[in-house]
N, C-alpha and C. Protein backbone atom coordinates (compact mmCIF):
# COMPACT_ATOMS: atom_id res chain seq x y z
N MET A 1 0.85 -1.17 0.00
CA MET A 1 0.00 0.00 0.00
C MET A 1 0.90 1.24 0.00
N SER A 2 0.56 2.21 -0.80
CA SER A 2 1.35 3.44 -0.88
C SER A 2 1.18 4.25 0.41
N ALA A 3 2.13 5.15 0.65
CA ALA A 3 2.06 6.02 1.82
C ALA A 3 0.77 6.84 1.78
N LYS A 4 0.43 7.36 0.61
CA LYS A 4 -0.78 8.16 0.47
C LYS A 4 -2.02 7.35 0.82
N SER A 5 -2.12 6.15 0.29
CA SER A 5 -3.28 5.29 0.57
C SER A 5 -3.36 4.93 2.05
N LEU A 6 -2.20 4.67 2.65
CA LEU A 6 -2.17 4.30 4.06
C LEU A 6 -2.70 5.43 4.95
N VAL A 7 -2.24 6.64 4.72
CA VAL A 7 -2.67 7.77 5.55
C VAL A 7 -4.13 8.13 5.23
N GLN A 8 -4.54 8.05 3.97
CA GLN A 8 -5.94 8.28 3.64
C GLN A 8 -6.84 7.26 4.32
N ASN A 9 -6.41 6.01 4.36
CA ASN A 9 -7.18 4.96 5.03
C ASN A 9 -7.26 5.24 6.53
N PHE A 10 -6.14 5.65 7.13
CA PHE A 10 -6.13 6.01 8.54
C PHE A 10 -7.13 7.15 8.79
N ALA A 11 -7.05 8.21 8.00
CA ALA A 11 -7.93 9.37 8.17
C ALA A 11 -9.39 8.98 8.00
N SER A 12 -9.69 8.15 7.04
CA SER A 12 -11.05 7.69 6.81
C SER A 12 -11.57 6.91 8.02
N THR A 13 -10.72 6.10 8.61
CA THR A 13 -11.08 5.32 9.79
C THR A 13 -11.37 6.25 10.96
N VAL A 14 -10.57 7.29 11.12
CA VAL A 14 -10.81 8.28 12.18
C VAL A 14 -12.15 8.98 11.96
N LEU A 15 -12.42 9.39 10.73
CA LEU A 15 -13.68 10.09 10.45
C LEU A 15 -14.90 9.21 10.74
N ARG A 16 -14.74 7.91 10.61
CA ARG A 16 -15.85 6.98 10.92
C ARG A 16 -15.98 6.75 12.43
N GLY A 17 -15.05 7.31 13.21
CA GLY A 17 -15.10 7.15 14.66
C GLY A 17 -14.54 5.82 15.14
N GLU A 18 -13.79 5.14 14.29
CA GLU A 18 -13.21 3.84 14.63
C GLU A 18 -11.79 4.05 15.15
N TYR A 19 -11.70 4.61 16.35
CA TYR A 19 -10.42 5.04 16.90
C TYR A 19 -9.51 3.87 17.27
N GLU A 20 -10.07 2.79 17.75
CA GLU A 20 -9.25 1.61 18.09
C GLU A 20 -8.65 1.02 16.81
N GLU A 21 -9.45 0.95 15.76
CA GLU A 21 -8.95 0.44 14.48
C GLU A 21 -7.86 1.36 13.93
N ALA A 22 -8.07 2.67 14.03
CA ALA A 22 -7.06 3.63 13.58
C ALA A 22 -5.76 3.45 14.38
N PHE A 23 -5.89 3.27 15.69
CA PHE A 23 -4.73 3.05 16.56
C PHE A 23 -3.93 1.83 16.09
N GLN A 24 -4.61 0.78 15.68
CA GLN A 24 -3.94 -0.44 15.24
C GLN A 24 -3.15 -0.24 13.95
N MET A 25 -3.41 0.83 13.22
CA MET A 25 -2.69 1.11 11.98
C MET A 25 -1.33 1.77 12.25
N LEU A 26 -1.07 2.16 13.49
CA LEU A 26 0.16 2.85 13.82
C LEU A 26 1.30 1.87 14.10
N SER A 27 2.53 2.35 13.91
CA SER A 27 3.70 1.55 14.26
C SER A 27 3.77 1.45 15.78
N GLY A 28 4.59 0.53 16.27
CA GLY A 28 4.77 0.39 17.71
C GLY A 28 5.25 1.68 18.35
N GLU A 29 6.16 2.37 17.68
CA GLU A 29 6.68 3.64 18.19
C GLU A 29 5.57 4.68 18.30
N ALA A 30 4.74 4.78 17.29
CA ALA A 30 3.64 5.76 17.31
C ALA A 30 2.60 5.38 18.36
N LYS A 31 2.42 4.08 18.60
CA LYS A 31 1.47 3.65 19.63
C LYS A 31 1.91 4.09 21.02
N ASP A 32 3.21 4.29 21.20
CA ASP A 32 3.70 4.81 22.47
C ASP A 32 3.27 6.27 22.68
N ASP A 33 3.09 6.99 21.59
CA ASP A 33 2.73 8.41 21.65
C ASP A 33 1.23 8.65 21.57
N TRP A 34 0.50 7.71 21.00
CA TRP A 34 -0.93 7.89 20.77
C TRP A 34 -1.71 6.72 21.36
N SER A 35 -2.89 7.00 21.86
CA SER A 35 -3.84 5.98 22.29
C SER A 35 -5.11 6.21 21.47
N PRO A 36 -6.03 5.24 21.46
CA PRO A 36 -7.30 5.50 20.77
C PRO A 36 -8.00 6.75 21.31
N ASP A 37 -7.96 6.94 22.62
CA ASP A 37 -8.59 8.14 23.20
C ASP A 37 -7.88 9.41 22.79
N ALA A 38 -6.55 9.38 22.68
CA ALA A 38 -5.80 10.56 22.24
C ALA A 38 -6.11 10.91 20.79
N ILE A 39 -6.26 9.88 19.95
CA ILE A 39 -6.64 10.10 18.54
C ILE A 39 -8.01 10.75 18.49
N LYS A 40 -8.95 10.20 19.24
CA LYS A 40 -10.32 10.75 19.28
C LYS A 40 -10.30 12.20 19.75
N GLU A 41 -9.59 12.48 20.83
CA GLU A 41 -9.54 13.83 21.38
C GLU A 41 -8.91 14.82 20.39
N ALA A 42 -7.80 14.41 19.75
CA ALA A 42 -7.14 15.29 18.78
C ALA A 42 -8.06 15.59 17.60
N PHE A 43 -8.75 14.58 17.12
CA PHE A 43 -9.66 14.78 16.00
C PHE A 43 -10.83 15.67 16.40
N GLU A 44 -11.46 15.36 17.52
CA GLU A 44 -12.62 16.15 17.94
C GLU A 44 -12.24 17.60 18.22
N ASP A 45 -11.08 17.82 18.83
CA ASP A 45 -10.61 19.19 19.06
C ASP A 45 -10.38 19.92 17.74
N MET A 46 -9.85 19.20 16.76
CA MET A 46 -9.54 19.79 15.47
C MET A 46 -10.80 20.27 14.74
N VAL A 47 -11.87 19.48 14.80
CA VAL A 47 -13.08 19.80 14.03
C VAL A 47 -14.18 20.44 14.87
N GLU A 48 -13.87 20.78 16.10
CA GLU A 48 -14.87 21.34 17.01
C GLU A 48 -15.59 22.55 16.41
N TYR A 49 -14.86 23.42 15.73
CA TYR A 49 -15.48 24.62 15.17
C TYR A 49 -16.31 24.35 13.92
N PHE A 50 -16.32 23.12 13.44
CA PHE A 50 -17.19 22.76 12.32
C PHE A 50 -18.67 22.85 12.73
N GLU A 51 -18.94 22.92 14.02
CA GLU A 51 -20.27 23.12 14.58
C GLU A 51 -21.32 22.17 14.00
N GLY A 52 -21.01 20.90 13.98
CA GLY A 52 -21.97 19.91 13.55
C GLY A 52 -21.97 19.61 12.06
N ALA A 53 -21.28 20.43 11.26
CA ALA A 53 -21.19 20.14 9.83
C ALA A 53 -20.32 18.89 9.66
N ALA A 54 -20.81 17.94 8.90
CA ALA A 54 -20.13 16.66 8.76
C ALA A 54 -18.77 16.81 8.06
N PRO A 55 -17.70 16.37 8.73
CA PRO A 55 -16.39 16.41 8.07
C PRO A 55 -16.28 15.31 7.03
N ARG A 56 -15.51 15.59 6.00
CA ARG A 56 -15.25 14.60 4.95
C ARG A 56 -13.81 14.79 4.47
N LEU A 57 -13.28 13.77 3.86
CA LEU A 57 -11.92 13.84 3.33
C LEU A 57 -11.95 14.40 1.92
N ASP A 58 -10.95 15.18 1.59
CA ASP A 58 -10.77 15.64 0.22
C ASP A 58 -9.71 14.73 -0.40
N LEU A 59 -10.16 13.62 -0.97
CA LEU A 59 -9.25 12.62 -1.53
C LEU A 59 -8.68 13.02 -2.88
N GLU A 60 -9.20 14.08 -3.46
CA GLU A 60 -8.71 14.56 -4.75
C GLU A 60 -7.64 15.65 -4.58
N PHE A 61 -7.29 15.96 -3.35
CA PHE A 61 -6.29 16.98 -3.06
C PHE A 61 -4.99 16.60 -3.75
N ASP A 62 -4.47 17.51 -4.57
CA ASP A 62 -3.26 17.22 -5.33
C ASP A 62 -2.36 18.47 -5.32
N ASP A 63 -1.97 18.87 -4.15
CA ASP A 63 -1.14 20.03 -3.97
C ASP A 63 0.32 19.58 -3.90
N GLU A 64 1.22 20.47 -4.23
CA GLU A 64 2.65 20.11 -4.19
C GLU A 64 3.10 19.73 -2.79
N PHE A 65 2.37 20.14 -1.76
CA PHE A 65 2.74 19.80 -0.38
C PHE A 65 1.96 18.61 0.15
N GLY A 66 1.12 17.99 -0.66
CA GLY A 66 0.31 16.86 -0.22
C GLY A 66 1.14 15.64 0.13
N ILE A 67 2.24 15.48 -0.56
CA ILE A 67 3.16 14.37 -0.29
C ILE A 67 4.57 14.95 -0.32
N THR A 68 5.27 14.77 0.80
CA THR A 68 6.62 15.31 0.91
C THR A 68 7.58 14.18 1.28
N LYS A 69 8.57 13.96 0.45
CA LYS A 69 9.60 12.95 0.72
C LYS A 69 10.62 13.55 1.68
N LEU A 70 10.88 12.83 2.77
CA LEU A 70 11.84 13.23 3.77
C LEU A 70 12.84 12.10 3.98
N ASP A 71 13.94 12.38 4.64
CA ASP A 71 14.92 11.33 4.91
C ASP A 71 14.30 10.18 5.71
N GLU A 72 13.41 10.52 6.66
CA GLU A 72 12.84 9.49 7.53
C GLU A 72 11.58 8.83 6.97
N GLY A 73 11.12 9.26 5.79
CA GLY A 73 9.95 8.65 5.18
C GLY A 73 9.18 9.64 4.32
N THR A 74 7.88 9.42 4.22
CA THR A 74 7.01 10.25 3.40
C THR A 74 5.92 10.86 4.28
N LEU A 75 5.82 12.18 4.22
CA LEU A 75 4.79 12.89 4.95
C LEU A 75 3.60 13.10 4.02
N VAL A 76 2.44 12.63 4.45
CA VAL A 76 1.22 12.71 3.64
C VAL A 76 0.21 13.59 4.37
N TYR A 77 -0.33 14.56 3.64
CA TYR A 77 -1.29 15.55 4.14
C TYR A 77 -2.65 15.21 3.55
N VAL A 78 -3.64 14.94 4.41
CA VAL A 78 -4.99 14.60 3.95
C VAL A 78 -5.96 15.65 4.47
N PRO A 79 -6.51 16.50 3.60
CA PRO A 79 -7.45 17.52 4.04
C PRO A 79 -8.75 16.92 4.57
N VAL A 80 -9.23 17.51 5.67
CA VAL A 80 -10.52 17.18 6.26
C VAL A 80 -11.34 18.46 6.13
N VAL A 81 -12.43 18.40 5.38
CA VAL A 81 -13.20 19.61 5.07
C VAL A 81 -14.66 19.46 5.48
N SER A 82 -15.31 20.61 5.62
CA SER A 82 -16.76 20.66 5.85
C SER A 82 -17.23 22.00 5.31
N ASP A 83 -18.51 22.26 5.43
CA ASP A 83 -19.05 23.55 5.01
C ASP A 83 -18.57 24.67 5.94
N GLU A 84 -18.02 24.31 7.09
CA GLU A 84 -17.59 25.29 8.09
C GLU A 84 -16.09 25.59 8.06
N GLY A 85 -15.30 24.77 7.37
CA GLY A 85 -13.86 25.03 7.36
C GLY A 85 -13.07 23.85 6.83
N SER A 86 -11.76 23.96 6.99
CA SER A 86 -10.89 22.87 6.54
C SER A 86 -9.74 22.70 7.52
N GLU A 87 -9.35 21.47 7.70
CA GLU A 87 -8.25 21.07 8.56
C GLU A 87 -7.52 19.95 7.84
N ALA A 88 -6.70 19.19 8.55
CA ALA A 88 -5.99 18.09 7.91
C ALA A 88 -5.50 17.09 8.94
N ILE A 89 -5.33 15.88 8.49
CA ILE A 89 -4.61 14.85 9.24
C ILE A 89 -3.37 14.54 8.42
N SER A 90 -2.21 14.62 9.05
CA SER A 90 -0.96 14.31 8.37
C SER A 90 -0.32 13.11 9.05
N GLY A 91 0.26 12.27 8.24
CA GLY A 91 0.95 11.10 8.78
C GLY A 91 2.31 10.94 8.14
N LEU A 92 3.29 10.58 8.96
CA LEU A 92 4.63 10.27 8.46
C LEU A 92 4.72 8.76 8.33
N VAL A 93 4.99 8.30 7.12
CA VAL A 93 5.10 6.88 6.83
C VAL A 93 6.57 6.57 6.59
N ASP A 94 7.09 5.61 7.37
CA ASP A 94 8.51 5.28 7.23
C ASP A 94 8.76 4.41 6.01
N HIS A 95 10.01 4.02 5.81
CA HIS A 95 10.39 3.24 4.63
C HIS A 95 9.88 1.80 4.68
N GLU A 96 9.31 1.41 5.81
CA GLU A 96 8.72 0.07 5.93
C GLU A 96 7.19 0.13 5.87
N SER A 97 6.66 1.25 5.37
CA SER A 97 5.21 1.47 5.20
C SER A 97 4.44 1.40 6.51
N ARG A 98 4.99 2.06 7.54
CA ARG A 98 4.33 2.14 8.84
C ARG A 98 4.13 3.61 9.19
N ILE A 99 2.97 3.93 9.75
CA ILE A 99 2.73 5.29 10.23
C ILE A 99 3.48 5.46 11.54
N VAL A 100 4.47 6.36 11.53
CA VAL A 100 5.32 6.53 12.71
C VAL A 100 5.06 7.85 13.43
N ASP A 101 4.32 8.77 12.83
CA ASP A 101 4.01 10.03 13.48
C ASP A 101 2.74 10.61 12.88
N LEU A 102 2.01 11.37 13.70
CA LEU A 102 0.74 11.97 13.28
C LEU A 102 0.72 13.44 13.65
N GLU A 103 -0.08 14.18 12.90
CA GLU A 103 -0.37 15.58 13.24
C GLU A 103 -1.82 15.85 12.84
N PHE A 104 -2.55 16.45 13.76
CA PHE A 104 -3.93 16.83 13.50
C PHE A 104 -3.99 18.34 13.39
N GLY A 105 -4.56 18.84 12.29
CA GLY A 105 -4.67 20.27 12.08
C GLY A 105 -3.79 20.72 10.92
N ARG A 106 -4.09 21.90 10.42
CA ARG A 106 -3.29 22.46 9.34
C ARG A 106 -1.95 22.92 9.89
N PRO A 107 -0.91 22.78 9.09
CA PRO A 107 0.41 23.25 9.57
C PRO A 107 0.47 24.76 9.66
């Protein structure tokens, strides 16, 4: 699975509220930093100002910063949008196709 597909799948799982399943997609190292409850809290805090407008992923996002190759892996930016605003879930995927770091919110 490509880095982009992996992070999009993670983000989609979070949007469905399947936080335990999303947690299982993380590498062992990332699991030390995140729990299912921490993922839920970070996501809910991020979209709180959406005020009930349903968040959705923008899977057609094709910006030059959407995928960034780094020495430690590939950083993938997945926009989370609603009628009230836009945010993002970003994931760093290492060279072994594991999500090793997360960021909730626009940079």
